[in-house]
Amino acid sequence: MMMEIAVPGMTEYLLIENAQHADRFAQLISHRIPFTDIEHAFDLTLTPGAAEKVVVTFD
């Protein structure tokens, strides 16, 4: 997470929920981009409607 705008304790709650329901949260990810293509990942995040959630991987 780069930034949080939420009520106190929300990050901890979401981390626990994510660990318990990883399959549900995985459906929110629209793109998995390798770090070697980081510019493409930024382009996706900066283009309205191009992606829901972008995850950069370090494989």
Protein backbone atom coordinates (compact mmCIF):
# COMPACT_ATOMS: atom_id res chain seq x y z
CA MET A 1 0.00 0.00 0.00
CA MET A 2 1.38 3.34 -0.95
CA MET A 3 -1.09 5.53 0.88
CA GLU A 4 -3.99 5.10 3.23
CA ILE A 5 -6.94 7.40 3.67
CA ALA A 6 -9.15 5.57 6.14
CA VAL A 7 -10.17 5.25 9.72
CA PRO A 8 -7.57 4.18 12.28
CA GLY A 9 -7.04 0.42 12.27
CA MET A 10 -8.32 -0.07 8.72
CA THR A 11 -4.95 -1.23 7.37
CA GLU A 12 -4.69 -3.99 9.96
CA TYR A 13 -8.27 -5.07 9.28
CA LEU A 14 -7.70 -5.23 5.53
CA LEU A 15 -4.45 -7.17 5.90
CA ILE A 16 -6.23 -9.79 8.00
CA GLU A 17 -9.15 -9.96 5.56
CA ASN A 18 -6.76 -10.28 2.64
CA ALA A 19 -4.93 -13.16 4.32
CA GLN A 20 -8.18 -14.96 5.11
CA HIS A 21 -9.85 -14.35 1.74
CA ALA A 22 -6.97 -14.05 -0.73
CA ASP A 23 -9.04 -15.66 -3.49
CA ARG A 24 -11.66 -12.90 -3.31
CA PHE A 25 -9.11 -10.10 -3.32
CA ALA A 26 -7.20 -11.69 -6.21
CA GLN A 27 -10.24 -11.11 -8.43
CA LEU A 28 -9.74 -7.35 -8.06
CA ILE A 29 -6.32 -7.47 -9.77
CA SER A 30 -6.59 -6.77 -13.48
CA HIS A 31 -2.87 -6.77 -14.34
CA ARG A 32 0.30 -8.38 -13.01
CA ILE A 33 3.34 -6.66 -14.48
CA PRO A 34 6.99 -7.70 -13.97
CA PHE A 35 9.25 -5.07 -12.43
CA THR A 36 11.32 -5.06 -15.62
CA ASP A 37 8.27 -3.47 -17.33
CA ILE A 38 7.59 -0.89 -14.61
CA GLU A 39 6.97 1.92 -17.11
CA HIS A 40 4.05 -0.04 -18.57
CA ALA A 41 2.65 -0.54 -15.06
CA PHE A 42 2.75 3.21 -14.42
CA ASP A 43 1.15 3.89 -17.81
CA LEU A 44 -1.71 1.56 -16.90
CA THR A 45 -2.29 3.22 -13.55
CA LEU A 46 -2.20 6.71 -15.02
CA THR A 47 -4.62 5.96 -17.87
CA PRO A 48 -8.26 6.23 -16.77
CA GLY A 49 -10.15 3.00 -17.43
CA ALA A 50 -7.08 1.01 -18.47
CA ALA A 51 -6.84 -1.12 -15.32
CA GLU A 52 -8.56 -1.87 -12.03
CA LYS A 53 -5.61 -2.87 -9.86
CA VAL A 54 -2.03 -3.27 -11.04
CA VAL A 55 0.42 -5.47 -9.15
CA VAL A 56 4.14 -5.25 -9.86
CA THR A 57 5.92 -8.57 -9.39
CA PHE A 58 9.57 -9.22 -8.65
CA ASP A 59 10.00 -12.65 -10.25
